[in-house]
Amino acid sequence: MAEAATAMQTPQRVPAHSAKAAVNPWVIALTVTLATFMELLDTSIANVSLPYIAGGLGRSYDEVTWILTTYLVANAVVLPLSAWLSRVLGRKNYYLICVALFTTTSFLCGIAPSLGAMLFARVLQGIAGGGLAPVEQAILVDTFPPAKRAGAFALYTMAIVTAPAIGPVLGGWITDSYSWRWVFFINIPVGILSMVLTSRFVHDPPAFAEERKTIRTAAGKLKIDSIGIALIGLGSAALEVVLDRGEIDDWFGSRFIAWVCSLGLICLVAAVVWELKQDDPVIEFRLLRIRNFAISNLFYFIFGFGLFASTTMIPQVLQTLYGYRALDAGLVLGPGAFVITLLAPVGAQIVQRGLIQSRYLLFVALLVVGVSFLHYSHFNLDTDYSHYAWARALQGLGYAFFFVPLTMIAYSQLRPDQNNKASSLTNFFRNWGGSFGIAFLNTESDRRMEFHQSNVAASLPATSSLLQQRVSNISNYLRVRGMSPADAVHAAYGYVYSQMQAQSHFLAFMDCFYVIGVLTLVAAPVALMTRPFAIGSKSPSVH
């Protein structure tokens, strides 16, 4: 038996049909990360191009915002179903289908002659994009042994954090330099390259092939949890519409939003109850009984909440209040992405070598992220580019040491046959965290702006000597430059009012930073509640 074992471990004696197993795992990791990066980039790259798309298609800005909504809705519906679909079609086949469909629909978006055609293509693009990130994560978990996963997760971290950050920069540059249609066309060569590499290097592992057999009955009939799929799909779509359109339609002041929200909550609650009773559910909610996995999903949600809210908020602050161009505002996000790219591999080595327990590293990373948000909340309208860039770098420092230990903790107590369904759940929570974060930003910034505007107005009545002096100085300045006395006074009041609005808007954004920072810091100690584990050990499913 010893000789047989030695023979199995000798590279030159590996049979030819096993050559596919000899592919360098880092080649596989880079291959699957390519398409995931493309998909995550697409979630933010189109945002800055919406005004140009509206002009090109001859529609209003409010109408073209459905370009974002339809993508997010389709993405939210498919994402939790990705584990089931990969079992039905085969993980590699499903991944290739997603990449091919995403690439094709990117071309259709680029040539869309009307808003209707664009929305149709975006729905299909969202369906394709929803399967990429969870399948990549499952592939990474199965490709790398537990002792070497940290490095793979560092690569994954760079993709999911960097892509949304550079999306606005790249989108602004492409739109200004060429045409908004190239925002979609750039996906085509990346998609083709990803398909070629995936078809050549990625293969379903034997364990997953065995897992796929459980999707069929003994007679070979496909098991379809049609009720679970319907409840999850309808509930996810409804809730995403509420989060994306709620602020635009005045939340529950709109009967449409109220009905859609009720429908979404009823469907999702019913889905959880139904899925817990199924032997082979579409979403394995029972995995949340496992302590480390449940706590990890809490932090996946917080990660998505903070990252997507801040990535949206920082360019918005700089463009609306500081007068930055879209490209310049996006460049502020660059230092954070650079720090993550530089230090995520360091975090992977720390975890992989067991220098610091994952839960302690995660705890410290959360503290750094929380402090970075509080640091933002103390800025003012005189804060310059360098301060924002350094604050983003501090945030990147936290995230560089956040995602790797988090992912290691998430899979630490799972069996190999649970990895596929676990990947769908972790991405499910991360995606919803991002949606809730953006909805929170849009709603809270508007409400806090009204609050601060009322306070400023109350503290500065029309009879205030300070206000009168300010108006007098401005109107005198304008009269010297040729404006009539009446027009000068009117313009002076308008200028003061615009300053008050800018200050109120800015304070509202700072309040949002503060809330996200406090939320992150309050949640940080929960990381210490995870169970310790040995890197590289086989982890049975324990509670």
Protein backbone atom coordinates (compact mmCIF):
# COMPACT_ATOMS: atom_id res chain seq x y z
CA MET A 1 0.00 0.00 0.00
CA ALA A 2 2.89 2.32 0.74
CA GLU A 3 4.22 1.77 -2.76
CA ALA A 4 0.82 2.48 -4.26
CA ALA A 5 0.61 5.69 -2.27
CA THR A 6 4.07 6.69 -3.44
CA ALA A 7 3.13 6.00 -7.02
CA MET A 8 0.05 8.16 -6.71
CA GLN A 9 2.18 11.04 -5.40
CA THR A 10 4.82 10.81 -8.18
CA PRO A 11 4.08 13.44 -10.86
CA GLN A 12 5.48 11.44 -13.79
CA ARG A 13 3.16 8.53 -13.06
CA VAL A 14 -0.03 10.55 -13.20
CA PRO A 15 -2.25 9.18 -16.00
CA ALA A 16 -2.87 11.37 -19.00
CA HIS A 17 -6.57 11.63 -18.29
CA SER A 18 -5.72 13.31 -14.97
CA ALA A 19 -3.74 16.09 -16.59
CA LYS A 20 -6.56 18.54 -16.02
CA ALA A 21 -5.97 18.19 -12.27
CA ALA A 22 -2.38 19.35 -12.74
CA VAL A 23 -3.41 22.87 -13.80
CA ASN A 24 -1.79 25.46 -11.55
CA PRO A 25 -4.54 26.59 -9.16
CA TRP A 26 -3.45 30.21 -9.56
CA VAL A 27 -4.21 30.01 -13.27
CA ILE A 28 -7.73 28.92 -12.36
CA ALA A 29 -8.01 31.69 -9.75
CA LEU A 30 -6.96 34.39 -12.20
CA THR A 31 -9.28 32.99 -14.86
CA VAL A 32 -12.44 33.07 -12.77
CA THR A 33 -11.54 36.40 -11.13
CA LEU A 34 -11.37 38.04 -14.56
CA ALA A 35 -15.09 37.68 -15.28
CA THR A 36 -16.12 38.48 -11.71
CA PHE A 37 -14.10 41.69 -11.84
CA MET A 38 -15.84 42.54 -15.12
CA GLU A 39 -19.29 41.99 -13.60
CA LEU A 40 -18.60 43.97 -10.42
CA LEU A 41 -17.11 46.78 -12.49
CA ASP A 42 -20.34 46.92 -14.47
CA THR A 43 -22.41 47.53 -11.32
CA SER A 44 -20.87 50.99 -10.95
CA ILE A 45 -19.37 51.95 -14.30
CA ALA A 46 -22.71 52.92 -15.88
CA ASN A 47 -23.75 55.23 -13.03
CA VAL A 48 -21.79 58.28 -14.20
CA SER A 49 -22.92 57.73 -17.80
CA LEU A 50 -26.67 57.89 -17.11
CA PRO A 51 -27.10 61.56 -18.16
CA TYR A 52 -25.33 60.82 -21.47
CA ILE A 53 -27.39 57.65 -22.00
CA ALA A 54 -30.57 59.67 -21.38
CA GLY A 55 -29.52 62.19 -24.03
CA GLY A 56 -28.48 59.49 -26.49
CA LEU A 57 -31.77 57.60 -26.16
CA GLY A 58 -33.92 60.72 -25.95
CA ARG A 59 -35.39 59.91 -22.52
CA SER A 60 -35.50 61.66 -19.14
CA TYR A 61 -32.94 60.96 -16.43
CA ASP A 62 -35.61 59.42 -14.17
CA GLU A 63 -36.55 56.97 -16.91
CA VAL A 64 -32.99 55.81 -17.57
CA THR A 65 -32.38 55.10 -13.86
CA TRP A 66 -34.33 51.91 -14.61
CA ILE A 67 -31.16 50.82 -16.42
CA LEU A 68 -29.62 50.38 -12.97
CA THR A 69 -32.77 49.04 -11.32
CA THR A 70 -33.47 46.31 -13.87
CA TYR A 71 -29.89 45.04 -13.64
CA LEU A 72 -29.94 44.96 -9.84
CA VAL A 73 -33.34 43.24 -9.73
CA ALA A 74 -32.30 40.50 -12.15
CA ASN A 75 -29.00 40.12 -10.30
CA ALA A 76 -30.75 39.82 -6.94
CA VAL A 77 -33.12 37.14 -8.26
CA VAL A 78 -30.44 34.90 -9.76
CA LEU A 79 -27.74 35.26 -7.12
CA PRO A 80 -29.37 33.06 -4.43
CA LEU A 81 -30.29 30.48 -7.08
CA SER A 82 -26.74 30.16 -8.42
CA ALA A 83 -25.85 27.13 -6.28
CA TRP A 84 -28.89 25.22 -7.55
CA LEU A 85 -28.30 26.25 -11.17
CA SER A 86 -24.65 25.20 -11.03
CA ARG A 87 -25.73 21.77 -9.78
CA VAL A 88 -28.27 21.45 -12.59
CA LEU A 89 -25.99 22.58 -15.40
CA GLY A 90 -22.57 21.77 -13.97
CA ARG A 91 -20.47 24.48 -12.37
CA LYS A 92 -18.15 25.00 -15.33
CA ASN A 93 -21.03 24.93 -17.83
CA TYR A 94 -23.06 27.38 -15.76
CA TYR A 95 -20.10 29.72 -15.40
CA LEU A 96 -19.42 29.63 -19.14
CA ILE A 97 -23.10 30.32 -19.88
CA CYS A 98 -23.03 33.30 -17.53
CA VAL A 99 -19.87 34.74 -19.09
CA ALA A 100 -21.17 34.19 -22.63
CA LEU A 101 -24.54 35.76 -21.85
CA PHE A 102 -22.94 38.68 -20.03
CA THR A 103 -20.63 39.34 -22.98
CA THR A 104 -23.44 39.09 -25.55
CA THR A 105 -25.78 41.36 -23.59
CA SER A 106 -22.97 43.91 -23.12
CA PHE A 107 -22.85 44.17 -26.90
CA LEU A 108 -26.65 44.50 -27.04
CA CYS A 109 -26.53 47.28 -24.43
CA GLY A 110 -23.90 49.10 -26.47
CA ILE A 111 -25.96 49.05 -29.68
CA ALA A 112 -29.36 49.58 -28.01
CA PRO A 113 -31.42 51.94 -30.20
CA SER A 114 -34.07 52.61 -27.55
CA LEU A 115 -34.65 52.47 -23.80
CA GLY A 116 -36.84 49.38 -24.16
CA ALA A 117 -34.07 47.47 -25.93
CA MET A 118 -31.58 48.66 -23.33
CA LEU A 119 -33.75 47.50 -20.41
CA PHE A 120 -34.29 44.09 -22.02
CA ALA A 121 -30.54 43.65 -22.47
CA ARG A 122 -29.85 44.82 -18.91
CA VAL A 123 -32.25 42.26 -17.46
CA LEU A 124 -30.42 39.48 -19.29
CA GLN A 125 -27.09 40.99 -18.26
CA GLY A 126 -28.18 40.99 -14.61
CA ILE A 127 -29.27 37.35 -14.89
CA ALA A 128 -25.82 36.46 -16.23
CA GLY A 129 -23.94 38.58 -13.71
CA GLY A 130 -25.78 37.11 -10.73
CA GLY A 131 -24.05 33.76 -11.14
CA LEU A 132 -20.46 34.88 -11.58
CA ALA A 133 -19.31 35.93 -8.09
CA PRO A 134 -20.81 33.00 -6.10
CA VAL A 135 -19.58 30.42 -8.61
CA GLU A 136 -16.09 31.94 -8.57
CA GLN A 137 -16.00 31.78 -4.78
CA ALA A 138 -17.09 28.13 -4.85
CA ILE A 139 -14.45 27.34 -7.47
CA LEU A 140 -11.73 28.98 -5.35
CA VAL A 141 -12.78 27.06 -2.25
CA ASP A 142 -12.69 23.73 -4.10
CA THR A 143 -9.50 24.52 -6.07
CA PHE A 144 -7.32 25.48 -3.12
CA PRO A 145 -6.83 23.29 -0.01
CA PRO A 146 -7.78 24.99 3.28
CA ALA A 147 -4.12 25.71 4.10
CA LYS A 148 -3.69 27.75 0.89
CA ARG A 149 -7.10 29.41 0.50
CA ALA A 150 -6.06 32.66 2.14
CA GLY A 151 -4.00 33.72 -0.88
CA ALA A 152 -6.87 32.96 -3.26
CA PHE A 153 -9.25 34.97 -1.12
CA ALA A 154 -6.79 37.88 -1.20
CA LEU A 155 -7.10 37.89 -4.99
CA TYR A 156 -10.88 37.74 -4.67
CA THR A 157 -10.75 40.68 -2.24
CA MET A 158 -8.87 42.80 -4.75
CA ALA A 159 -11.54 42.12 -7.36
CA ILE A 160 -14.66 42.80 -5.29
CA VAL A 161 -13.26 45.93 -3.63
CA THR A 162 -11.30 47.45 -6.51
CA ALA A 163 -13.88 46.95 -9.28
CA PRO A 164 -16.66 49.11 -7.75
CA ALA A 165 -14.06 51.75 -6.85
CA ILE A 166 -12.59 52.20 -10.32
CA GLY A 167 -15.95 51.85 -12.09
CA PRO A 168 -16.92 55.54 -11.78
CA VAL A 169 -13.42 56.65 -12.81
CA LEU A 170 -13.32 54.42 -15.85
CA GLY A 171 -16.91 55.19 -16.77
CA GLY A 172 -16.32 58.93 -16.55
CA TRP A 173 -13.16 58.75 -18.63
CA ILE A 174 -14.74 56.56 -21.33
CA THR A 175 -17.85 58.74 -21.53
CA ASP A 176 -15.87 61.98 -21.72
CA SER A 177 -13.30 60.65 -24.20
CA TYR A 178 -15.41 58.43 -26.44
CA SER A 179 -19.09 57.50 -26.05
CA TRP A 180 -21.29 56.01 -23.35
CA ARG A 181 -21.72 52.95 -25.57
CA TRP A 182 -18.08 51.98 -24.94
CA VAL A 183 -18.94 51.57 -21.25
CA PHE A 184 -20.58 48.33 -22.37
CA PHE A 185 -18.36 47.45 -25.32
CA ILE A 186 -15.25 47.15 -23.12
CA ASN A 187 -16.76 44.00 -21.58
CA ILE A 188 -16.60 42.14 -24.88
CA PRO A 189 -12.85 41.39 -25.16
CA VAL A 190 -12.67 40.61 -21.44
CA GLY A 191 -15.61 38.23 -21.75
CA ILE A 192 -14.17 36.45 -24.78
CA LEU A 193 -10.81 36.00 -23.02
CA SER A 194 -12.57 34.70 -19.92
CA MET A 195 -14.54 32.14 -21.95
CA VAL A 196 -11.40 30.85 -23.68
CA LEU A 197 -9.48 30.51 -20.42
CA THR A 198 -12.41 29.01 -18.53
CA SER A 199 -13.09 26.35 -21.17
CA ARG A 200 -9.43 25.37 -21.10
CA PHE A 201 -8.46 25.47 -17.43
CA VAL A 202 -11.58 25.19 -15.25
CA HIS A 203 -13.08 21.78 -14.50
CA ASP A 204 -15.64 20.48 -12.04
CA PRO A 205 -13.95 18.56 -9.22
CA PRO A 206 -14.96 14.91 -8.63
CA ALA A 207 -16.63 15.81 -5.32
CA PHE A 208 -18.88 18.31 -7.09
CA ALA A 209 -19.73 15.74 -9.76
CA GLU A 210 -20.97 13.50 -6.96
CA GLU A 211 -22.91 16.39 -5.44
CA ARG A 212 -24.62 17.00 -8.79
CA LYS A 213 -26.13 13.52 -8.67
CA THR A 214 -28.24 14.54 -5.68
CA ILE A 215 -30.15 17.00 -7.86
CA ARG A 216 -31.89 14.09 -9.58
CA THR A 217 -34.07 11.27 -8.32
CA ALA A 218 -33.15 7.59 -8.62
CA ALA A 219 -35.11 7.54 -11.87
CA GLY A 220 -33.02 10.42 -13.25
CA LYS A 221 -35.75 13.04 -12.93
CA LEU A 222 -34.61 16.56 -12.07
CA LYS A 223 -35.65 17.78 -8.62
CA ILE A 224 -37.12 21.25 -8.93
CA ASP A 225 -38.19 23.17 -5.84
CA SER A 226 -40.55 25.30 -7.90
CA ILE A 227 -42.28 26.89 -4.90
CA GLY A 228 -38.96 27.84 -3.30
CA ILE A 229 -37.63 29.26 -6.57
CA ALA A 230 -40.81 31.29 -7.12
CA LEU A 231 -40.87 32.68 -3.57
CA ILE A 232 -37.17 33.58 -3.56
CA GLY A 233 -37.24 35.08 -7.05
CA LEU A 234 -40.37 37.16 -6.50
CA GLY A 235 -39.34 38.25 -3.00
CA SER A 236 -35.81 39.24 -4.05
CA ALA A 237 -37.07 41.16 -7.08
CA ALA A 238 -39.69 43.02 -5.04
CA LEU A 239 -37.29 43.98 -2.26
CA GLU A 240 -34.65 45.19 -4.72
CA VAL A 241 -37.24 47.39 -6.44
CA VAL A 242 -38.19 48.86 -3.05
CA LEU A 243 -34.58 49.61 -2.12
CA ASP A 244 -33.64 51.05 -5.49
CA ARG A 245 -36.81 53.07 -6.17
CA GLY A 246 -37.99 53.84 -2.63
CA GLU A 247 -36.37 57.25 -2.24
CA ILE A 248 -37.29 58.27 -5.80
CA ASP A 249 -40.98 57.39 -5.23
CA ASP A 250 -41.20 58.74 -1.63
CA TRP A 251 -41.05 55.31 0.02
CA PHE A 252 -44.34 54.37 1.66
CA GLY A 253 -45.94 57.57 0.47
CA SER A 254 -46.19 55.64 -2.79
CA ARG A 255 -48.82 52.91 -2.97
CA PHE A 256 -46.66 51.09 -5.49
CA ILE A 257 -43.70 50.91 -3.08
CA ALA A 258 -45.96 49.90 -0.18
CA TRP A 259 -47.53 47.03 -2.14
CA VAL A 260 -44.22 45.83 -3.57
CA CYS A 261 -42.59 45.93 -0.12
CA SER A 262 -45.45 43.91 1.39
CA LEU A 263 -45.20 41.38 -1.42
CA GLY A 264 -41.43 41.09 -1.02
CA LEU A 265 -41.51 40.57 2.75
CA ILE A 266 -44.32 38.01 2.57
CA CYS A 267 -42.51 36.04 -0.14
CA LEU A 268 -39.14 36.08 1.62
CA VAL A 269 -40.56 35.05 5.00
CA ALA A 270 -42.54 32.29 3.31
CA ALA A 271 -39.39 31.24 1.41
CA VAL A 272 -37.41 30.83 4.63
CA VAL A 273 -40.19 28.76 6.23
CA TRP A 274 -40.60 26.64 3.10
CA GLU A 275 -36.88 26.08 2.49
CA LEU A 276 -36.27 24.96 6.08
CA LYS A 277 -38.74 22.12 5.52
CA GLN A 278 -37.16 20.87 2.27
CA ASP A 279 -34.66 18.02 2.11
CA ASP A 280 -32.79 19.67 -0.77
CA PRO A 281 -33.65 23.39 -0.70
CA VAL A 282 -32.65 25.96 -3.30
CA ILE A 283 -31.07 28.05 -0.51
CA GLU A 284 -29.67 26.14 2.44
CA PHE A 285 -30.72 28.44 5.29
CA ARG A 286 -29.86 25.67 7.76
CA LEU A 287 -26.19 26.57 7.24
CA LEU A 288 -26.89 29.66 9.32
CA ARG A 289 -27.13 27.38 12.36
CA ILE A 290 -23.35 27.01 12.14
CA ARG A 291 -21.88 29.72 14.35
CA ASN A 292 -18.87 30.79 12.29
CA PHE A 293 -20.84 30.81 9.06
CA ALA A 294 -23.73 32.80 10.57
CA ILE A 295 -21.44 35.44 12.08
CA SER A 296 -19.50 35.68 8.81
CA ASN A 297 -22.67 36.47 6.90
CA LEU A 298 -23.42 39.29 9.33
CA PHE A 299 -20.06 40.78 8.40
CA TYR A 300 -20.57 40.14 4.67
CA PHE A 301 -23.69 42.28 5.00
CA ILE A 302 -21.81 45.01 6.90
CA PHE A 303 -18.99 44.84 4.37
CA GLY A 304 -21.39 45.39 1.44
CA PHE A 305 -23.25 48.10 3.37
CA GLY A 306 -20.16 50.17 4.14
CA LEU A 307 -18.22 49.59 0.93
CA PHE A 308 -21.01 50.37 -1.55
CA ALA A 309 -22.40 53.27 0.49
CA SER A 310 -18.98 54.93 0.77
CA THR A 311 -18.03 54.20 -2.83
CA THR A 312 -21.23 55.95 -3.90
CA MET A 313 -21.06 58.74 -1.34
CA ILE A 314 -17.48 59.99 -1.74
CA PRO A 315 -17.69 60.83 -5.48
CA GLN A 316 -21.15 62.33 -4.89
CA VAL A 317 -19.82 64.63 -2.16
CA LEU A 318 -16.86 65.74 -4.24
CA GLN A 319 -18.87 66.33 -7.41
CA THR A 320 -21.87 68.12 -5.91
CA LEU A 321 -20.16 70.14 -3.16
CA TYR A 322 -16.55 70.56 -4.26
CA GLY A 323 -17.09 70.87 -8.01
CA TYR A 324 -14.88 67.91 -8.95
CA ARG A 325 -15.24 66.27 -12.34
CA ALA A 326 -16.42 62.64 -12.31
CA LEU A 327 -12.91 61.50 -13.22
CA ASP A 328 -11.24 63.55 -10.46
CA ALA A 329 -13.79 62.44 -7.86
CA GLY A 330 -13.26 58.83 -8.82
CA LEU A 331 -9.50 59.19 -8.46
CA VAL A 332 -10.00 59.85 -4.74
CA LEU A 333 -10.99 56.19 -4.44
CA GLY A 334 -7.70 55.09 -6.01
CA PRO A 335 -5.50 55.12 -2.88
CA GLY A 336 -7.88 52.75 -1.11
CA ALA A 337 -7.76 50.28 -3.99
CA PHE A 338 -3.96 50.58 -4.11
CA VAL A 339 -3.60 49.84 -0.39
CA ILE A 340 -5.87 46.80 -0.69
CA THR A 341 -3.94 45.48 -3.69
CA LEU A 342 -0.66 45.99 -1.82
CA LEU A 343 -1.65 44.62 1.59
CA ALA A 344 -4.30 41.95 0.94
CA PRO A 345 -1.56 39.38 0.13
CA VAL A 346 0.14 40.34 3.42
CA GLY A 347 -3.09 39.66 5.27
CA ALA A 348 -3.33 36.32 3.47
CA GLN A 349 0.16 35.35 4.64
CA ILE A 350 -0.64 36.35 8.22
CA VAL A 351 -3.71 34.12 8.21
CA GLN A 352 -2.13 31.28 6.25
CA ARG A 353 0.88 31.03 8.56
CA GLY A 354 -1.26 31.31 11.68
CA LEU A 355 0.60 34.40 12.94
CA ILE A 356 -2.65 35.92 14.17
CA GLN A 357 -5.96 34.10 14.63
CA SER A 358 -8.48 35.05 11.96
CA ARG A 359 -11.00 36.35 14.48
CA TYR A 360 -8.49 38.75 16.03
CA LEU A 361 -7.32 40.02 12.65
CA LEU A 362 -10.95 40.49 11.59
CA PHE A 363 -11.69 42.38 14.82
CA VAL A 364 -8.77 44.78 14.29
CA ALA A 365 -9.72 45.26 10.62
CA LEU A 366 -13.28 46.20 11.63
CA LEU A 367 -11.95 48.72 14.12
CA VAL A 368 -9.80 50.34 11.41
CA VAL A 369 -12.72 50.47 8.96
CA GLY A 370 -15.02 51.94 11.63
CA VAL A 371 -12.45 54.58 12.61
CA SER A 372 -11.98 55.52 8.94
CA PHE A 373 -15.70 56.27 8.62
CA LEU A 374 -15.64 58.36 11.79
CA HIS A 375 -12.61 60.19 10.41
CA TYR A 376 -14.63 61.10 7.29
CA SER A 377 -17.43 62.45 9.48
CA HIS A 378 -15.14 65.21 10.85
CA PHE A 379 -14.34 66.72 7.45
CA ASN A 380 -15.60 70.14 6.33
CA LEU A 381 -16.07 72.02 3.07
CA ASP A 382 -12.47 73.23 3.21
CA THR A 383 -11.05 69.68 3.26
CA ASP A 384 -8.80 69.10 0.28
CA TYR A 385 -8.10 66.14 -2.02
CA SER A 386 -5.21 64.77 0.02
CA HIS A 387 -7.31 64.39 3.17
CA TYR A 388 -9.98 62.44 1.30
CA ALA A 389 -7.33 60.29 -0.38
CA TRP A 390 -5.62 59.50 2.93
CA ALA A 391 -8.97 58.70 4.56
CA ARG A 392 -9.77 56.31 1.72
CA ALA A 393 -6.32 54.74 2.14
CA LEU A 394 -7.11 54.21 5.84
CA GLN A 395 -10.37 52.55 4.86
CA GLY A 396 -8.45 50.38 2.39
CA LEU A 397 -6.05 49.40 5.17
CA GLY A 398 -8.97 47.98 7.12
CA TYR A 399 -10.51 46.18 4.16
CA ALA A 400 -7.11 44.73 3.17
CA PHE A 401 -7.09 42.71 6.40
CA PHE A 402 -10.85 42.18 6.53
CA PHE A 403 -12.02 39.92 3.75
CA VAL A 404 -9.42 37.14 3.91
CA PRO A 405 -9.93 36.23 7.60
CA LEU A 406 -13.68 36.67 7.15
CA THR A 407 -13.80 34.17 4.30
CA MET A 408 -11.56 31.73 6.16
CA ILE A 409 -13.91 31.91 9.15
CA ALA A 410 -16.97 31.47 6.90
CA TYR A 411 -15.74 28.12 5.51
CA SER A 412 -13.94 26.91 8.65
CA GLN A 413 -16.79 24.71 9.91
CA LEU A 414 -18.25 23.60 6.59
CA ARG A 415 -17.92 20.26 4.84
CA PRO A 416 -16.73 20.27 1.21
CA ASP A 417 -20.22 19.34 -0.01
CA GLN A 418 -21.60 22.50 1.64
CA ASN A 419 -19.22 24.93 -0.08
CA ASN A 420 -21.37 25.44 -3.17
CA LYS A 421 -24.51 26.45 -1.28
CA ALA A 422 -22.46 28.47 1.20
CA SER A 423 -21.00 30.60 -1.60
CA SER A 424 -24.49 31.56 -2.76
CA LEU A 425 -25.46 32.63 0.76
CA THR A 426 -22.34 34.70 1.42
CA ASN A 427 -22.77 36.58 -1.85
CA PHE A 428 -26.49 36.89 -1.12
CA PHE A 429 -25.74 38.74 2.13
CA ARG A 430 -22.96 40.84 0.59
CA ASN A 431 -25.21 41.90 -2.29
CA TRP A 432 -28.09 42.82 0.00
CA GLY A 433 -25.70 44.72 2.24
CA GLY A 434 -24.71 46.84 -0.76
CA SER A 435 -28.33 47.45 -1.74
CA PHE A 436 -29.31 48.44 1.80
CA GLY A 437 -26.22 50.65 2.09
CA ILE A 438 -27.03 52.63 -1.04
CA ALA A 439 -30.71 52.91 -0.05
CA PHE A 440 -29.66 54.13 3.40
CA LEU A 441 -27.36 56.73 1.86
CA ASN A 442 -29.98 58.09 -0.54
CA THR A 443 -32.68 58.30 2.13
CA GLU A 444 -30.69 59.42 5.15
CA SER A 445 -28.73 62.09 3.28
CA ASP A 446 -31.96 63.71 2.05
CA ARG A 447 -33.64 63.58 5.46
CA ARG A 448 -30.61 64.81 7.37
CA MET A 449 -30.22 67.63 4.84
CA GLU A 450 -33.73 68.82 5.64
CA PHE A 451 -32.95 68.53 9.36
CA HIS A 452 -29.75 70.59 9.14
CA GLN A 453 -31.34 73.12 6.83
CA SER A 454 -34.11 73.70 9.37
CA ASN A 455 -31.57 74.10 12.17
CA VAL A 456 -29.43 76.54 10.21
CA ALA A 457 -32.49 78.56 9.19
CA ALA A 458 -33.73 78.64 12.78
CA SER A 459 -30.36 79.85 14.07
CA LEU A 460 -30.05 82.47 11.34
CA PRO A 461 -33.34 84.40 11.04
CA ALA A 462 -33.86 87.12 8.45
CA THR A 463 -33.34 89.78 11.15
CA SER A 464 -29.95 88.38 12.14
CA SER A 465 -27.27 91.06 12.11
CA LEU A 466 -24.73 88.48 10.88
CA LEU A 467 -26.94 87.60 7.92
CA GLN A 468 -27.63 91.24 7.11
CA GLN A 469 -23.93 92.07 7.24
CA ARG A 470 -23.09 89.15 4.94
CA VAL A 471 -25.77 90.15 2.43
CA SER A 472 -24.64 93.77 2.56
CA ASN A 473 -21.01 92.86 1.85
CA ILE A 474 -21.92 90.67 -1.10
CA SER A 475 -24.41 93.14 -2.59
CA ASN A 476 -21.88 96.00 -2.27
CA TYR A 477 -19.31 93.86 -4.07
CA LEU A 478 -21.78 93.13 -6.89
CA ARG A 479 -22.87 96.78 -7.22
CA VAL A 480 -19.25 97.85 -7.65
CA ARG A 481 -19.09 95.45 -10.61
CA GLY A 482 -22.06 97.00 -12.34
CA MET A 483 -25.13 95.19 -10.95
CA SER A 484 -28.20 97.24 -10.03
CA PRO A 485 -28.90 97.62 -6.27
CA ALA A 486 -32.07 95.49 -6.41
CA ASP A 487 -30.45 92.74 -8.44
CA ALA A 488 -27.36 92.80 -6.22
CA VAL A 489 -29.42 92.25 -3.04
CA HIS A 490 -31.41 89.48 -4.71
CA ALA A 491 -28.23 87.76 -5.91
CA ALA A 492 -26.63 88.14 -2.46
CA TYR A 493 -29.53 86.38 -0.76
CA GLY A 494 -29.39 83.65 -3.41
CA TYR A 495 -25.69 83.13 -2.80
CA VAL A 496 -26.17 82.90 0.99
CA TYR A 497 -29.02 80.44 0.50
CA SER A 498 -26.91 78.25 -1.79
CA GLN A 499 -24.15 78.26 0.82
CA MET A 500 -26.64 77.18 3.47
CA GLN A 501 -27.87 74.37 1.25
CA ALA A 502 -24.33 73.20 0.53
CA GLN A 503 -23.48 73.20 4.23
CA SER A 504 -26.67 71.31 5.10
CA HIS A 505 -26.03 68.78 2.34
CA PHE A 506 -22.46 68.29 3.51
CA LEU A 507 -23.48 67.79 7.16
CA ALA A 508 -26.02 65.20 6.00
CA PHE A 509 -23.28 63.20 4.26
CA MET A 510 -21.08 63.45 7.35
CA ASP A 511 -23.95 62.06 9.43
CA CYS A 512 -24.12 59.06 7.08
CA PHE A 513 -20.39 58.43 7.52
CA TYR A 514 -20.84 58.64 11.28
CA VAL A 515 -23.71 56.14 11.37
CA ILE A 516 -21.81 53.62 9.21
CA GLY A 517 -18.74 54.03 11.42
CA VAL A 518 -20.68 53.47 14.62
CA LEU A 519 -22.46 50.45 13.10
CA THR A 520 -19.11 48.91 12.14
CA LEU A 521 -17.53 49.53 15.55
CA VAL A 522 -20.54 48.16 17.43
CA ALA A 523 -20.47 44.99 15.34
CA ALA A 524 -16.69 44.50 15.66
CA PRO A 525 -16.73 42.58 19.01
CA VAL A 526 -19.01 39.95 17.46
CA ALA A 527 -15.95 38.76 15.50
CA LEU A 528 -14.47 37.54 18.80
CA MET A 529 -17.45 35.22 19.23
CA THR A 530 -16.37 32.99 16.33
CA ARG A 531 -14.87 29.63 17.18
CA PRO A 532 -11.09 29.30 16.69
CA PHE A 533 -9.90 26.76 14.12
CA ALA A 534 -6.65 25.40 12.77
CA ILE A 535 -5.68 26.51 9.27
CA GLY A 536 -5.73 23.54 6.92
CA SER A 537 -7.67 21.22 9.19
CA LYS A 538 -10.67 19.27 8.01
CA SER A 539 -13.70 20.97 9.44
CA PRO A 540 -16.84 18.96 9.96
CA SER A 541 -20.07 20.83 10.13
CA VAL A 542 -20.45 21.79 13.78
CA HIS A 543 -22.72 24.23 15.58
